[in-house]
């Protein structure tokens, strides 16, 4: 089939080189995508942790404000001489 065996060796060597280059670059790129994915998930977890911290902080702050408003309502009712309202159960 081939008159000159050196041409066949050259073609096979060229195909193996191309296959090896594509395989190694795909492997390298896959590793980079894995690292980027890990960083992305870590960033998302960090953002969610911060949001949850601020939500807990806001819950305590707003519960204090609700209690302060309740105390003001009770004091105003006492000054007006009206019947003291009953405090609703916290939700």
Protein backbone atom coordinates (compact mmCIF):
# COMPACT_ATOMS: atom_id res chain seq x y z
CA UNK A 1 0.00 0.00 0.00
CA UNK A 2 2.72 2.43 0.95
CA UNK A 3 5.72 2.47 -1.34
CA UNK A 4 7.82 4.30 1.23
CA UNK A 5 7.52 3.13 4.88
CA UNK A 6 9.02 6.37 6.22
CA UNK A 7 5.92 8.25 5.01
CA UNK A 8 3.70 5.87 7.00
CA UNK A 9 5.82 6.35 10.11
CA UNK A 10 5.67 10.12 9.66
CA UNK A 11 1.87 10.09 9.27
CA UNK A 12 1.40 7.83 12.32
CA UNK A 13 3.78 10.01 14.33
CA UNK A 14 1.91 13.13 13.28
CA UNK A 15 -1.47 11.62 14.23
CA UNK A 16 -0.14 10.47 17.61
CA UNK A 17 1.31 13.94 18.24
CA UNK A 18 -1.97 15.65 17.38
CA UNK A 19 -3.96 13.21 19.54
CA UNK A 20 -1.52 13.67 22.45
CA UNK A 21 -1.66 17.46 22.20
CA UNK A 22 -5.47 17.54 22.12
CA UNK A 23 -5.72 15.07 25.01
CA UNK A 24 -3.24 16.96 27.21
CA UNK A 25 -4.89 20.33 26.52
CA UNK A 26 -8.34 18.87 27.28
CA UNK A 27 -6.99 17.45 30.55
CA UNK A 28 -5.43 20.81 31.47
CA UNK A 29 -8.64 22.68 30.65
CA UNK A 30 -10.73 20.22 32.65
CA UNK A 31 -8.54 20.88 35.70
CA UNK A 32 -9.02 24.62 35.33
CA UNK A 33 -12.80 24.25 35.05
CA UNK A 34 -12.75 22.12 38.21
CA UNK A 35 -10.84 24.83 40.10
CA UNK A 36 -13.16 27.56 38.85
CA UNK A 37 -16.20 25.52 39.89
CA UNK A 38 -14.77 25.01 43.41
CA UNK A 39 -14.05 28.74 43.73
CA UNK A 40 -17.53 29.62 42.48
CA UNK A 41 -19.23 27.31 45.00
CA UNK A 42 -17.02 28.61 47.82
CA UNK A 43 -17.95 32.19 46.92
CA UNK A 44 -21.65 31.31 46.84
CA UNK A 45 -21.39 29.68 50.28
CA UNK A 46 -19.58 32.73 51.65
CA UNK A 47 -22.26 35.07 50.32
CA UNK A 48 -25.06 32.91 51.77
CA UNK A 49 -23.31 32.78 55.16
CA UNK A 50 -23.06 36.58 55.22
CA UNK A 51 -26.70 36.98 54.22
CA UNK A 52 -27.82 34.58 56.94
CA UNK A 53 -25.72 36.43 59.53
CA UNK A 54 -27.28 39.76 58.58
CA UNK A 55 -30.76 38.22 58.56
CA UNK A 56 -30.26 36.91 62.12
CA UNK A 57 -28.93 40.33 63.17
CA UNK A 58 -31.94 42.05 61.61
CA UNK A 59 -34.34 39.65 63.33
CA UNK A 60 -32.93 40.50 66.76
CA UNK A 61 -32.86 44.23 66.01
CA UNK A 62 -36.43 44.30 64.72
CA UNK A 63 -37.70 42.25 67.65
CA UNK A 64 -36.17 44.86 69.98
CA UNK A 65 -37.86 47.64 67.99
CA UNK A 66 -41.19 45.78 68.18
CA UNK A 67 -40.83 45.50 71.96
CA UNK A 68 -39.95 49.19 72.23
CA UNK A 69 -43.01 50.15 70.18
CA UNK A 70 -45.14 47.94 72.41
CA UNK A 71 -43.80 49.68 75.52
CA UNK A 72 -44.60 53.07 73.99
CA UNK A 73 -48.16 51.95 73.22
CA UNK A 74 -48.64 50.72 76.78
CA UNK A 75 -47.24 53.95 78.24
CA UNK A 76 -49.46 56.08 75.98
CA UNK A 77 -52.49 54.01 76.94
CA UNK A 78 -51.63 54.51 80.63
CA UNK A 79 -51.32 58.26 80.17
CA UNK A 80 -54.61 58.43 78.26
CA UNK A 81 -56.39 56.38 80.92
CA UNK A 82 -57.58 53.77 78.46
CA UNK A 83 -57.70 50.08 79.10
CA UNK A 84 -54.30 48.47 78.81
CA UNK A 85 -54.05 46.48 75.57
CA UNK A 86 -52.99 42.86 75.81
CA UNK A 87 -49.70 41.96 74.25
CA UNK A 88 -49.98 39.58 71.31
CA UNK A 89 -47.89 36.44 71.34
CA UNK A 90 -44.75 36.77 69.29
CA UNK A 91 -45.03 35.04 65.93
